[in-house]
Structures are given as C-alpha cells and as structure tokens.
Amino acid sequence: MGTSSNLNNKIALKITAGVSTMWCAYIFAAIALISLPNAIKSGDTIVIVSWIAQTFLQLVLLSIIMVGQNVQSKGFEKTINETHAATLLELAEIKVLSQEMHRVIRDLETRITPEK
C-alpha cells in the first residue's frame, strides 16, 4: 500500500508541476480556441457563454491560478525565511544579554554579600 501511495504522490507532483506553468496555460488556450469558431457560428448565446465559462476560463485559468499560487508561496516562503533568520539573530542577542546580566548580578551579589 505504501509503494502505490508513493507512486501516486510522485505522479500527482509531476502532473501538478506540469499543469502549473504558463506554457501549459498557453497550450490550454490554444486547445480551447479550436472550438471557438463553432461556438461563434452557432449564434447561440448559451453556447458562447458556455464556451467562455466551461472551455476557456476553466481550462486556462486553472494553470494561471496555479502559477500565481506558486509565485505567492515563494514570496511567503522568502518572508518566513527572513523572519526566521531575524528571530534567530534576536534570540542569539538575547542569550548574550542574558548571560551578561547574570554575570553582572553575580558580581553585585559578591560585592554586597559580606565575606564570612
């Protein structure tokens, strides 16, 4: 069961990577445009609207939306990585300050506490 699941995941990733490109959107647009003359020749408003909604928009926008999501996720990933790096830097600075503060407190305690 695990092997077929891994195979299915690999196939899904390959297909998604292929469909989520602008080249795929261009190919889908060309395929959709093949049926445009017949839709126009029909003169039927419903056929033309159906062609626009079901053939062109669904087919072409799928790839374009996926490309847009990839671009957005890369932007989010960059922001997350920058925030993570800045947070780690701040944490390192806080650790240094904390160590220095503990050292100062120990020094003060030894000065204040009378020797026996």
N, C-alpha and C. Protein backbone atom coordinates (compact mmCIF):
# COMPACT_ATOMS: atom_id res chain seq x y z
N MET A 1 0.84 -1.21 0.00
CA MET A 1 0.00 0.00 0.00
C MET A 1 0.87 1.25 0.00
N GLY A 2 1.96 1.26 0.75
CA GLY A 2 2.84 2.42 0.80
C GLY A 2 3.49 2.71 -0.53
N THR A 3 3.87 1.66 -1.27
CA THR A 3 4.54 1.85 -2.55
C THR A 3 3.61 2.50 -3.56
N SER A 4 2.37 2.04 -3.62
CA SER A 4 1.43 2.64 -4.57
C SER A 4 1.10 4.07 -4.18
N SER A 5 1.07 4.33 -2.88
CA SER A 5 0.82 5.69 -2.40
C SER A 5 1.97 6.61 -2.81
N ASN A 6 3.21 6.11 -2.65
CA ASN A 6 4.37 6.90 -3.07
C ASN A 6 4.35 7.15 -4.57
N LEU A 7 4.00 6.14 -5.35
CA LEU A 7 3.91 6.29 -6.80
C LEU A 7 2.84 7.31 -7.17
N ASN A 8 1.68 7.19 -6.52
CA ASN A 8 0.60 8.15 -6.78
C ASN A 8 1.02 9.57 -6.44
N ASN A 9 1.74 9.73 -5.33
CA ASN A 9 2.22 11.06 -4.94
C ASN A 9 3.19 11.61 -5.96
N LYS A 10 4.10 10.77 -6.44
CA LYS A 10 5.07 11.21 -7.45
C LYS A 10 4.38 11.62 -8.74
N ILE A 11 3.40 10.81 -9.17
CA ILE A 11 2.65 11.14 -10.39
C ILE A 11 1.90 12.45 -10.20
N ALA A 12 1.25 12.59 -9.06
CA ALA A 12 0.49 13.83 -8.78
C ALA A 12 1.41 15.04 -8.80
N LEU A 13 2.59 14.92 -8.19
CA LEU A 13 3.53 16.04 -8.17
C LEU A 13 4.00 16.40 -9.57
N LYS A 14 4.29 15.39 -10.39
CA LYS A 14 4.73 15.64 -11.78
C LYS A 14 3.62 16.35 -12.58
N ILE A 15 2.40 15.86 -12.45
CA ILE A 15 1.29 16.47 -13.19
C ILE A 15 1.06 17.90 -12.71
N THR A 16 1.07 18.09 -11.38
CA THR A 16 0.88 19.43 -10.84
C THR A 16 1.97 20.37 -11.32
N ALA A 17 3.21 19.90 -11.31
CA ALA A 17 4.32 20.74 -11.78
C ALA A 17 4.15 21.11 -13.25
N GLY A 18 3.64 20.19 -14.04
CA GLY A 18 3.43 20.47 -15.47
C GLY A 18 2.26 21.40 -15.72
N VAL A 19 1.17 21.19 -15.01
CA VAL A 19 -0.04 21.99 -15.23
C VAL A 19 0.13 23.41 -14.68
N SER A 20 0.97 23.56 -13.68
CA SER A 20 1.12 24.88 -13.05
C SER A 20 2.24 25.69 -13.72
N THR A 21 2.21 25.75 -15.04
CA THR A 21 3.15 26.56 -15.81
C THR A 21 2.38 27.43 -16.79
N MET A 22 2.96 28.54 -17.14
CA MET A 22 2.32 29.40 -18.14
C MET A 22 2.31 28.72 -19.50
N TRP A 23 3.31 27.87 -19.79
CA TRP A 23 3.31 27.16 -21.07
C TRP A 23 2.09 26.26 -21.17
N CYS A 24 1.72 25.63 -20.07
CA CYS A 24 0.52 24.79 -20.06
C CYS A 24 -0.72 25.66 -20.29
N ALA A 25 -0.75 26.84 -19.69
CA ALA A 25 -1.88 27.77 -19.90
C ALA A 25 -1.98 28.15 -21.37
N TYR A 26 -0.84 28.40 -22.01
CA TYR A 26 -0.86 28.74 -23.45
C TYR A 26 -1.37 27.57 -24.28
N ILE A 27 -0.94 26.36 -23.94
CA ILE A 27 -1.41 25.18 -24.67
C ILE A 27 -2.90 24.99 -24.47
N PHE A 28 -3.37 25.13 -23.23
CA PHE A 28 -4.81 25.01 -22.96
C PHE A 28 -5.60 26.08 -23.72
N ALA A 29 -5.06 27.30 -23.78
CA ALA A 29 -5.74 28.37 -24.52
C ALA A 29 -5.84 28.00 -26.00
N ALA A 30 -4.76 27.48 -26.56
CA ALA A 30 -4.78 27.07 -27.98
C ALA A 30 -5.81 25.96 -28.20
N ILE A 31 -5.84 24.99 -27.29
CA ILE A 31 -6.82 23.90 -27.41
C ILE A 31 -8.24 24.45 -27.32
N ALA A 32 -8.46 25.35 -26.39
CA ALA A 32 -9.80 25.94 -26.22
C ALA A 32 -10.21 26.74 -27.44
N LEU A 33 -9.26 27.44 -28.05
CA LEU A 33 -9.58 28.28 -29.21
C LEU A 33 -9.98 27.47 -30.44
N ILE A 34 -9.64 26.19 -30.46
CA ILE A 34 -10.03 25.33 -31.58
C ILE A 34 -11.55 25.28 -31.71
N SER A 35 -12.25 25.25 -30.58
CA SER A 35 -13.71 25.14 -30.63
C SER A 35 -14.42 26.50 -30.67
N LEU A 36 -13.67 27.60 -30.56
CA LEU A 36 -14.30 28.93 -30.57
C LEU A 36 -15.06 29.22 -31.86
N PRO A 37 -14.52 28.95 -33.04
CA PRO A 37 -15.29 29.26 -34.27
C PRO A 37 -16.65 28.57 -34.30
N ASN A 38 -16.72 27.32 -33.89
CA ASN A 38 -18.01 26.62 -33.89
C ASN A 38 -18.97 27.24 -32.88
N ALA A 39 -18.45 27.67 -31.74
CA ALA A 39 -19.32 28.30 -30.74
C ALA A 39 -19.88 29.61 -31.30
N ILE A 40 -19.05 30.38 -31.98
CA ILE A 40 -19.50 31.66 -32.56
C ILE A 40 -20.48 31.41 -33.70
N LYS A 41 -20.16 30.42 -34.55
CA LYS A 41 -21.05 30.10 -35.69
C LYS A 41 -22.43 29.67 -35.23
N SER A 42 -22.51 29.07 -34.08
CA SER A 42 -23.81 28.61 -33.59
C SER A 42 -24.76 29.78 -33.39
N GLY A 43 -24.21 30.95 -33.05
CA GLY A 43 -25.05 32.12 -32.82
C GLY A 43 -25.86 32.02 -31.54
N ASP A 44 -25.73 30.93 -30.85
CA ASP A 44 -26.49 30.69 -29.62
C ASP A 44 -25.72 31.30 -28.44
N THR A 45 -26.35 32.24 -27.76
CA THR A 45 -25.72 32.91 -26.63
C THR A 45 -25.29 31.91 -25.55
N ILE A 46 -26.12 30.93 -25.29
CA ILE A 46 -25.80 29.94 -24.26
C ILE A 46 -24.56 29.14 -24.65
N VAL A 47 -24.43 28.79 -25.91
CA VAL A 47 -23.26 28.04 -26.37
C VAL A 47 -22.00 28.90 -26.23
N ILE A 48 -22.11 30.18 -26.59
CA ILE A 48 -20.96 31.08 -26.50
C ILE A 48 -20.56 31.29 -25.03
N VAL A 49 -21.55 31.54 -24.18
CA VAL A 49 -21.27 31.72 -22.75
C VAL A 49 -20.69 30.44 -22.16
N SER A 50 -21.24 29.30 -22.56
CA SER A 50 -20.71 28.01 -22.08
C SER A 50 -19.27 27.82 -22.54
N TRP A 51 -18.98 28.20 -23.77
CA TRP A 51 -17.60 28.06 -24.26
C TRP A 51 -16.66 28.92 -23.40
N ILE A 52 -17.08 30.16 -23.14
CA ILE A 52 -16.24 31.06 -22.34
C ILE A 52 -16.05 30.50 -20.94
N ALA A 53 -17.15 30.14 -20.28
CA ALA A 53 -17.10 29.71 -18.88
C ALA A 53 -16.49 28.32 -18.72
N GLN A 54 -16.96 27.38 -19.51
CA GLN A 54 -16.57 25.99 -19.29
C GLN A 54 -15.30 25.60 -20.05
N THR A 55 -15.14 26.13 -21.22
CA THR A 55 -13.99 25.71 -22.01
C THR A 55 -12.79 26.60 -21.76
N PHE A 56 -12.96 27.89 -21.96
CA PHE A 56 -11.80 28.77 -21.88
C PHE A 56 -11.40 29.07 -20.44
N LEU A 57 -12.31 29.64 -19.66
CA LEU A 57 -11.95 30.06 -18.31
C LEU A 57 -11.47 28.91 -17.44
N GLN A 58 -12.24 27.82 -17.40
CA GLN A 58 -11.86 26.71 -16.53
C GLN A 58 -10.55 26.08 -16.98
N LEU A 59 -10.38 25.93 -18.26
CA LEU A 59 -9.19 25.26 -18.77
C LEU A 59 -7.95 26.13 -18.60
N VAL A 60 -8.04 27.39 -18.98
CA VAL A 60 -6.87 28.26 -18.97
C VAL A 60 -6.59 28.82 -17.58
N LEU A 61 -7.63 29.25 -16.89
CA LEU A 61 -7.41 29.85 -15.58
C LEU A 61 -6.86 28.87 -14.55
N LEU A 62 -7.14 27.59 -14.71
CA LEU A 62 -6.60 26.60 -13.79
C LEU A 62 -5.08 26.73 -13.72
N SER A 63 -4.43 26.71 -14.87
CA SER A 63 -2.96 26.81 -14.89
C SER A 63 -2.49 28.17 -14.40
N ILE A 64 -3.16 29.22 -14.81
CA ILE A 64 -2.74 30.56 -14.41
C ILE A 64 -2.86 30.74 -12.90
N ILE A 65 -3.93 30.25 -12.32
CA ILE A 65 -4.12 30.34 -10.86
C ILE A 65 -3.03 29.55 -10.15
N MET A 66 -2.71 28.38 -10.66
CA MET A 66 -1.66 27.57 -10.04
C MET A 66 -0.31 28.26 -10.12
N VAL A 67 -0.02 28.90 -11.25
CA VAL A 67 1.23 29.66 -11.37
C VAL A 67 1.24 30.80 -10.35
N GLY A 68 0.13 31.52 -10.25
CA GLY A 68 0.03 32.61 -9.28
C GLY A 68 0.23 32.14 -7.85
N GLN A 69 -0.35 30.99 -7.52
CA GLN A 69 -0.18 30.44 -6.18
C GLN A 69 1.27 30.08 -5.91
N ASN A 70 1.95 29.55 -6.92
CA ASN A 70 3.37 29.22 -6.75
C ASN A 70 4.19 30.48 -6.51
N VAL A 71 3.89 31.54 -7.26
CA VAL A 71 4.61 32.81 -7.09
C VAL A 71 4.36 33.36 -5.69
N GLN A 72 3.10 33.34 -5.26
CA GLN A 72 2.76 33.83 -3.92
C GLN A 72 3.43 33.00 -2.84
N SER A 73 3.42 31.68 -2.99
CA SER A 73 4.01 30.84 -1.94
C SER A 73 5.52 31.06 -1.86
N LYS A 74 6.18 31.33 -2.99
CA LYS A 74 7.61 31.63 -2.95
C LYS A 74 7.85 32.94 -2.20
N GLY A 75 6.97 33.92 -2.41
CA GLY A 75 7.07 35.18 -1.68
C GLY A 75 6.87 34.98 -0.19
N PHE A 76 5.86 34.17 0.17
CA PHE A 76 5.61 33.88 1.58
C PHE A 76 6.79 33.12 2.18
N GLU A 77 7.33 32.17 1.43
CA GLU A 77 8.46 31.38 1.92
C GLU A 77 9.67 32.29 2.17
N LYS A 78 9.89 33.24 1.28
CA LYS A 78 11.00 34.18 1.46
C LYS A 78 10.79 35.00 2.73
N THR A 79 9.58 35.50 2.92
CA THR A 79 9.26 36.28 4.11
C THR A 79 9.44 35.45 5.38
N ILE A 80 8.97 34.22 5.35
CA ILE A 80 9.11 33.33 6.51
C ILE A 80 10.58 33.09 6.81
N ASN A 81 11.37 32.82 5.78
CA ASN A 81 12.81 32.58 5.99
C ASN A 81 13.51 33.82 6.55
N GLU A 82 13.15 34.99 6.04
CA GLU A 82 13.75 36.23 6.55
C GLU A 82 13.35 36.46 8.01
N THR A 83 12.08 36.21 8.32
CA THR A 83 11.60 36.37 9.70
C THR A 83 12.29 35.37 10.62
N HIS A 84 12.45 34.16 10.15
CA HIS A 84 13.12 33.12 10.94
C HIS A 84 14.57 33.52 11.23
N ALA A 85 15.26 33.98 10.20
CA ALA A 85 16.66 34.39 10.37
C ALA A 85 16.76 35.55 11.35
N ALA A 86 15.86 36.53 11.22
CA ALA A 86 15.87 37.68 12.13
C ALA A 86 15.56 37.25 13.56
N THR A 87 14.64 36.31 13.71
CA THR A 87 14.29 35.82 15.04
C THR A 87 15.46 35.09 15.69
N LEU A 88 16.16 34.27 14.89
CA LEU A 88 17.34 33.57 15.42
C LEU A 88 18.42 34.56 15.85
N LEU A 89 18.60 35.62 15.06
CA LEU A 89 19.58 36.64 15.41
C LEU A 89 19.20 37.33 16.72
N GLU A 90 17.93 37.69 16.85
CA GLU A 90 17.45 38.32 18.08
C GLU A 90 17.61 37.38 19.27
N LEU A 91 17.31 36.10 19.07
CA LEU A 91 17.46 35.13 20.14
C LEU A 91 18.92 35.03 20.59
N ALA A 92 19.84 35.01 19.64
CA ALA A 92 21.26 34.97 19.99
C ALA A 92 21.65 36.21 20.78
N GLU A 93 21.15 37.37 20.37
CA GLU A 93 21.45 38.61 21.10
C GLU A 93 20.86 38.58 22.51
N ILE A 94 19.66 38.05 22.64
CA ILE A 94 19.02 37.95 23.96
C ILE A 94 19.81 37.01 24.85
N LYS A 95 20.31 35.90 24.29
CA LYS A 95 21.12 34.97 25.09
C LYS A 95 22.38 35.66 25.60
N VAL A 96 23.03 36.42 24.74
CA VAL A 96 24.24 37.14 25.14
C VAL A 96 23.91 38.14 26.24
N LEU A 97 22.83 38.90 26.05
CA LEU A 97 22.42 39.87 27.07
C LEU A 97 22.07 39.18 28.38
N SER A 98 21.39 38.04 28.30
CA SER A 98 21.01 37.29 29.49
C SER A 98 22.25 36.81 30.24
N GLN A 99 23.23 36.30 29.51
CA GLN A 99 24.47 35.86 30.15
C GLN A 99 25.19 37.03 30.81
N GLU A 100 25.22 38.15 30.12
CA GLU A 100 25.88 39.33 30.68
C GLU A 100 25.13 39.81 31.92
N MET A 101 23.80 39.77 31.87
CA MET A 101 23.01 40.20 33.01
C MET A 101 23.27 39.28 34.21
N HIS A 102 23.32 37.98 33.99
CA HIS A 102 23.60 37.04 35.08
C HIS A 102 25.00 37.28 35.65
N ARG A 103 25.96 37.58 34.80
CA ARG A 103 27.32 37.87 35.28
C ARG A 103 27.33 39.12 36.16
N VAL A 104 26.63 40.16 35.71
CA VAL A 104 26.56 41.40 36.49
C VAL A 104 25.89 41.14 37.84
N ILE A 105 24.82 40.37 37.83
CA ILE A 105 24.11 40.06 39.09
C ILE A 105 25.02 39.29 40.03
N ARG A 106 25.76 38.30 39.52
CA ARG A 106 26.70 37.55 40.37
C ARG A 106 27.77 38.46 40.94
N ASP A 107 28.27 39.37 40.11
CA ASP A 107 29.28 40.32 40.59
C ASP A 107 28.72 41.20 41.70
N LEU A 108 27.50 41.69 41.49
CA LEU A 108 26.86 42.52 42.51
C LEU A 108 26.64 41.74 43.79
N GLU A 109 26.19 40.51 43.66
CA GLU A 109 25.93 39.69 44.85
C GLU A 109 27.22 39.46 45.63
N THR A 110 28.31 39.24 44.94
CA THR A 110 29.58 39.01 45.66
C THR A 110 30.05 40.29 46.33
N ARG A 111 29.76 41.43 45.76
CA ARG A 111 30.16 42.70 46.37
C ARG A 111 29.28 43.05 47.55
N ILE A 112 28.00 42.72 47.46
CA ILE A 112 27.05 43.08 48.51
C ILE A 112 27.13 42.09 49.67
N THR A 113 27.27 40.84 49.39
CA THR A 113 27.30 39.83 50.44
C THR A 113 28.60 39.93 51.21
N PRO A 114 28.49 40.11 52.50
CA PRO A 114 29.70 40.21 53.31
C PRO A 114 30.42 38.87 53.34
N GLU A 115 31.72 38.96 53.35
CA GLU A 115 32.52 37.75 53.43
C GLU A 115 32.51 37.25 54.87
N LYS A 116 32.54 35.97 55.02
CA LYS A 116 32.49 35.38 56.37
C LYS A 116 33.85 35.02 56.85
